[in-house]
Amino acid sequence: MHPARAAIFLLMAWACRAAHLSPPAQQAFADYVAGVESRLSARHAQPGMPEPYLPAARQTASRDEDRAHDLPATAIRAEPVHGGTWSVPGGLLHHWRAAAFVPGANSQQLMALLRDYGRLSTYYAPEVAASRALKDDGENAIVAMRFRKRKILTVVLDAEFETRSGFTGADRGYSFSRSSHIWQVDAPGSKQERRRAEGDDDGFLWRLNSYWTFHQMGDGLWMECEAISLTRDVPAGLGWLITPVIQSLPRESLEFTLNATRNALRAGREEHR
């Protein structure tokens, strides 16, 4: 059998092994997220401009407005946190952070984009197939989204997120997005479409939280995003095939999100010229 076909066959076999989201895995995710949110809350409470968190960003970024334009306008810096992926009881935790500079953009524009829930599927296509607000009072919202991710297999997920966003100064802000429900969808778009029971599926994604921090620097906007997710663990004997896939997906998705956000901000500026 051709190696590529063999890989697809084994990955499908892995996917067919139903996984279950256990209480220990849920607790591990909740405990870890609590620590991250405590750090971010303390950071946002600091007066003045927060320093870029990424070490690579700190080497380049400057709070001196005369030097802010020296930030590369094309680079997206991404780095793993605690190695990016590690085991917890009953699953795997993933944590990545990334940053980018968008010349000519400002905090108000990014906030408007992040709160434009009905058009997220436009900004983040093809990974976001549909999006809408179930509840929206400005600073807090509940958002429904359909994700479509292709990595050898195509996986479709329906999810709901609780979001909170706001400004912590005249030119800086934040946005937190916490998954409250994630369902794997079988036969999407057909008459046989159905959602599997939460936590009893293939385990591609059980939890996903995203944390944005952004502020204006000189003639542009510095934006950072941290993504924390929880997935199933890797069955014995398939680590050689599955591990590279599940370890690359969080970084690829985060880099895609930063790049799509930057492109949407640029497109918005062009529309208003």
Protein backbone atom coordinates (compact mmCIF):
# COMPACT_ATOMS: atom_id res chain seq x y z
CA MET A 1 0.00 0.00 0.00
CA HIS A 2 1.22 3.51 -0.83
CA PRO A 3 2.58 5.26 2.31
CA ALA A 4 0.13 8.16 1.97
CA ARG A 5 -2.84 5.82 1.69
CA ALA A 6 -1.57 3.81 4.63
CA ALA A 7 -1.36 6.99 6.70
CA ILE A 8 -4.93 7.93 5.81
CA PHE A 9 -6.13 4.43 6.66
CA LEU A 10 -4.42 4.47 10.05
CA LEU A 11 -5.66 7.97 10.84
CA MET A 12 -9.22 6.92 9.98
CA ALA A 13 -8.79 3.87 12.20
CA TRP A 14 -7.68 6.16 15.03
CA ALA A 15 -10.64 8.45 14.45
CA CYS A 16 -13.00 5.48 14.62
CA ARG A 17 -11.81 4.69 18.12
CA ALA A 18 -14.36 6.69 20.08
CA ALA A 19 -12.92 8.87 22.81
CA HIS A 20 -14.54 10.16 25.96
CA LEU A 21 -13.95 13.51 27.67
CA SER A 22 -13.26 12.55 31.27
CA PRO A 23 -13.71 14.69 34.41
CA PRO A 24 -9.93 14.64 35.10
CA ALA A 25 -9.23 16.04 31.61
CA GLN A 26 -11.87 18.73 32.07
CA GLN A 27 -10.44 19.67 35.45
CA ALA A 28 -6.88 19.81 34.11
CA PHE A 29 -8.00 22.20 31.39
CA ALA A 30 -9.98 24.37 33.84
CA ASP A 31 -7.07 24.56 36.30
CA TYR A 32 -4.59 25.50 33.60
CA VAL A 33 -6.88 28.11 32.06
CA ALA A 34 -7.46 29.69 35.48
CA GLY A 35 -3.73 30.30 35.83
CA VAL A 36 -3.44 31.80 32.35
CA GLU A 37 -6.43 34.09 32.87
CA SER A 38 -5.04 35.27 36.20
CA ARG A 39 -1.79 36.24 34.48
CA LEU A 40 -3.59 38.02 31.66
CA SER A 41 -5.93 39.89 34.01
CA ALA A 42 -2.95 41.18 35.98
CA ARG A 43 -1.28 42.23 32.76
CA HIS A 44 -4.32 44.15 31.54
CA ALA A 45 -4.62 45.90 34.89
CA GLN A 46 -1.17 47.44 34.55
CA PRO A 47 -1.15 51.15 33.71
CA GLY A 48 0.34 52.23 30.41
CA MET A 49 1.25 50.06 27.46
CA PRO A 50 1.84 46.36 28.23
CA GLU A 51 5.15 45.07 26.92
CA PRO A 52 4.85 42.41 24.19
CA TYR A 53 4.76 39.01 25.87
CA LEU A 54 6.57 36.95 23.27
CA PRO A 55 10.36 36.94 23.72
CA ALA A 56 10.81 37.33 19.96
CA ALA A 57 8.42 40.27 20.01
CA ARG A 58 10.24 41.95 22.88
CA GLN A 59 13.45 41.81 20.89
CA THR A 60 11.88 43.79 18.07
CA ALA A 61 9.08 45.87 19.54
CA SER A 62 9.71 49.25 21.10
CA ARG A 63 7.47 51.52 23.11
CA ASP A 64 9.27 54.40 21.44
CA GLU A 65 6.82 55.59 18.77
CA ASP A 66 9.69 56.75 16.59
CA ARG A 67 10.81 53.13 16.23
CA ALA A 68 7.45 51.37 16.06
CA HIS A 69 7.42 51.54 12.26
CA ASP A 70 10.52 49.32 12.21
CA LEU A 71 8.41 46.29 13.19
CA PRO A 72 8.17 43.87 10.24
CA ALA A 73 4.77 44.20 8.61
CA THR A 74 4.81 40.67 7.19
CA ALA A 75 6.05 38.47 10.01
CA ILE A 76 3.83 36.47 12.34
CA ARG A 77 5.75 35.29 15.34
CA ALA A 78 4.49 32.11 16.98
CA GLU A 79 5.88 30.09 19.86
CA PRO A 80 4.83 27.10 21.96
CA VAL A 81 4.11 27.48 25.66
CA HIS A 82 5.47 24.64 27.81
CA GLY A 83 6.47 22.82 24.65
CA GLY A 84 3.12 23.42 22.93
CA THR A 85 1.55 20.03 23.72
CA TRP A 86 1.63 17.87 26.84
CA SER A 87 -0.33 15.03 28.42
CA VAL A 88 -2.97 15.43 31.11
CA PRO A 89 -5.12 12.63 32.58
CA GLY A 90 -7.35 11.53 29.71
CA GLY A 91 -6.19 13.97 27.07
CA LEU A 92 -3.68 16.44 25.64
CA LEU A 93 -3.38 20.15 26.39
CA HIS A 94 -2.10 22.53 23.72
CA HIS A 95 -0.96 26.12 24.27
CA TRP A 96 0.47 28.43 21.62
CA ARG A 97 0.82 32.19 21.38
CA ALA A 98 1.46 34.39 18.36
CA ALA A 99 1.85 38.07 17.55
CA ALA A 100 1.85 40.38 14.55
CA PHE A 101 2.07 44.11 13.76
CA VAL A 102 -0.44 45.73 11.39
CA PRO A 103 0.69 49.11 10.00
CA GLY A 104 -2.06 51.73 9.87
CA ALA A 105 -4.52 49.76 12.03
CA ASN A 106 -5.84 50.78 15.44
CA SER A 107 -7.44 49.22 18.49
CA GLN A 108 -10.97 50.34 17.62
CA GLN A 109 -10.78 48.60 14.25
CA LEU A 110 -9.64 45.31 15.73
CA MET A 111 -12.30 45.44 18.43
CA ALA A 112 -14.97 46.05 15.80
CA LEU A 113 -13.69 43.08 13.80
CA LEU A 114 -13.62 40.71 16.78
CA ARG A 115 -17.18 41.74 17.71
CA ASP A 116 -18.50 41.41 14.14
CA TYR A 117 -19.83 37.93 14.93
CA GLY A 118 -22.03 37.59 11.86
CA ARG A 119 -19.06 38.06 9.53
CA LEU A 120 -16.43 35.93 11.26
CA SER A 121 -17.07 33.27 8.63
CA THR A 122 -16.06 35.83 6.01
CA TYR A 123 -12.89 36.94 7.79
CA TYR A 124 -11.77 33.45 8.74
CA ALA A 125 -12.91 31.31 5.81
CA PRO A 126 -12.49 28.44 5.10
CA GLU A 127 -11.79 27.35 8.69
CA VAL A 128 -14.91 29.13 9.95
CA ALA A 129 -17.84 28.02 7.81
CA ALA A 130 -20.63 29.89 9.65
CA SER A 131 -21.00 32.26 12.59
CA ARG A 132 -23.68 34.24 14.43
CA ALA A 133 -24.33 35.84 17.79
CA LEU A 134 -26.86 34.08 20.01
CA LYS A 135 -26.63 36.92 22.51
CA ASP A 136 -24.74 40.21 22.31
CA ASP A 137 -24.69 43.10 24.75
CA GLY A 138 -21.46 44.67 23.53
CA GLU A 139 -18.86 43.62 26.07
CA ASN A 140 -20.29 40.10 26.51
CA ALA A 141 -21.66 37.75 23.89
CA ILE A 142 -22.49 34.12 23.16
CA VAL A 143 -21.36 33.14 19.67
CA ALA A 144 -22.18 30.05 17.60
CA MET A 145 -19.64 28.93 15.01
CA ARG A 146 -19.12 26.03 12.62
CA PHE A 147 -15.51 25.01 11.99
CA ARG A 148 -14.21 23.00 9.09
CA LYS A 149 -10.67 21.69 9.39
CA ARG A 150 -8.91 19.56 6.82
CA LYS A 151 -5.73 17.68 7.75
CA ILE A 152 -5.78 14.40 5.79
CA LEU A 153 -9.37 14.06 7.05
CA THR A 154 -12.02 16.79 7.05
CA VAL A 155 -13.56 17.43 10.47
CA VAL A 156 -16.61 19.64 11.03
CA LEU A 157 -17.38 20.99 14.48
CA ASP A 158 -20.20 23.14 15.85
CA ALA A 159 -19.22 25.27 18.83
CA GLU A 160 -20.53 27.94 21.14
CA PHE A 161 -18.30 30.47 22.85
CA GLU A 162 -18.75 32.91 25.69
CA THR A 163 -16.82 36.06 24.87
CA ARG A 164 -15.80 39.11 26.86
CA SER A 165 -14.00 42.10 25.40
CA GLY A 166 -13.22 45.66 26.28
CA PHE A 167 -10.73 48.51 26.30
CA THR A 168 -8.20 48.89 29.09
CA GLY A 169 -7.04 52.27 27.86
CA ALA A 170 -7.56 54.74 25.05
CA ASP A 171 -5.47 52.67 22.65
CA ARG A 172 -5.38 49.14 24.03
CA GLY A 173 -7.83 46.32 24.65
CA TYR A 174 -8.47 42.63 25.05
CA SER A 175 -10.88 39.86 24.05
CA PHE A 176 -11.41 36.51 25.78
CA SER A 177 -13.27 33.66 24.07
CA ARG A 178 -14.12 30.52 26.06
CA SER A 179 -15.72 27.43 24.53
CA SER A 180 -18.91 26.38 26.32
CA HIS A 181 -19.99 23.64 23.86
CA ILE A 182 -18.24 21.75 21.06
CA TRP A 183 -19.99 19.07 19.00
CA GLN A 184 -18.48 16.94 16.25
CA VAL A 185 -20.81 16.88 13.22
CA ASP A 186 -21.36 13.79 11.10
CA ALA A 187 -22.48 14.04 7.45
CA PRO A 188 -22.50 17.88 7.49
CA GLY A 189 -24.76 19.53 4.94
CA SER A 190 -26.75 16.37 4.23
CA LYS A 191 -30.14 15.10 5.39
CA GLN A 192 -28.25 12.72 7.66
CA GLU A 193 -26.38 15.51 9.43
CA ARG A 194 -26.19 15.03 13.17
CA ARG A 195 -24.20 16.18 16.15
CA ARG A 196 -22.52 13.59 18.30
CA ALA A 197 -22.92 13.80 22.05
CA GLU A 198 -20.46 16.28 23.55
CA GLY A 199 -17.30 14.59 24.71
CA ASP A 200 -18.20 11.25 23.09
CA ASP A 201 -16.67 11.57 19.65
CA ASP A 202 -13.31 11.28 17.93
CA GLY A 203 -11.74 13.76 20.34
CA PHE A 204 -10.32 16.12 17.71
CA LEU A 205 -11.29 19.14 19.84
CA TRP A 206 -13.00 19.18 23.22
CA ARG A 207 -12.13 22.68 24.45
CA LEU A 208 -10.81 25.85 22.80
CA ASN A 209 -10.12 29.21 24.48
CA SER A 210 -8.58 32.24 22.79
CA TYR A 211 -7.13 35.35 24.41
CA TRP A 212 -6.37 38.56 22.49
CA THR A 213 -4.26 41.45 23.73
CA PHE A 214 -3.70 44.45 21.49
CA HIS A 215 -2.41 48.02 21.63
CA GLN A 216 -1.35 50.75 19.26
CA MET A 217 2.34 51.37 18.71
CA GLY A 218 3.43 54.31 16.61
CA ASP A 219 1.67 54.08 13.25
CA GLY A 220 0.09 50.67 13.71
CA LEU A 221 -1.36 47.98 15.93
CA TRP A 222 0.44 45.27 17.86
CA MET A 223 -1.79 42.23 18.43
CA GLU A 224 -1.15 39.02 20.31
CA CYS A 225 -3.31 35.91 20.63
CA GLU A 226 -2.98 32.88 22.88
CA ALA A 227 -4.90 29.69 22.07
CA ILE A 228 -5.41 26.87 24.57
CA SER A 229 -7.12 23.66 23.51
CA LEU A 230 -7.89 20.18 24.80
CA THR A 231 -7.98 17.06 22.64
CA ARG A 232 -7.91 13.31 23.10
CA ASP A 233 -4.66 11.53 23.80
CA VAL A 234 -2.84 9.36 21.28
CA PRO A 235 -3.61 5.61 21.26
CA ALA A 236 -0.62 3.36 21.84
CA GLY A 237 1.15 2.38 18.66
CA LEU A 238 -0.07 5.33 16.57
CA GLY A 239 2.11 8.06 18.03
CA TRP A 240 4.45 8.07 15.04
CA LEU A 241 1.51 9.06 12.78
CA ILE A 242 -0.86 11.01 15.00
CA THR A 243 1.54 13.06 17.13
CA PRO A 244 2.96 15.20 14.28
CA VAL A 245 -0.59 15.96 13.11
CA ILE A 246 -2.04 17.00 16.46
CA GLN A 247 1.05 18.98 17.38
CA SER A 248 1.08 20.95 14.13
CA LEU A 249 -2.64 21.79 14.06
CA PRO A 250 -2.68 24.28 16.99
CA ARG A 251 0.19 26.30 15.56
CA GLU A 252 -1.18 26.23 12.03
CA SER A 253 -4.63 27.34 13.22
CA LEU A 254 -3.20 30.18 15.30
CA GLU A 255 -0.97 31.43 12.49
CA PHE A 256 -3.95 31.26 10.13
CA THR A 257 -6.04 33.29 12.61
CA LEU A 258 -3.40 36.03 12.96
CA ASN A 259 -2.85 36.22 9.22
CA ALA A 260 -6.59 36.33 8.47
CA THR A 261 -7.10 39.04 11.09
CA ARG A 262 -4.30 41.13 9.62
CA ASN A 263 -5.72 40.72 6.11
CA ALA A 264 -9.20 41.72 7.30
CA LEU A 265 -7.83 44.87 8.95
CA ARG A 266 -5.98 45.78 5.78
CA ALA A 267 -9.06 45.16 3.65
CA GLY A 268 -11.11 47.36 5.98
CA ARG A 269 -8.68 50.22 5.54
CA GLU A 270 -8.85 49.87 1.76
CA GLU A 271 -12.66 50.02 1.83
CA HIS A 272 -12.63 53.32 3.73
CA ARG A 273 -10.11 55.07 1.51
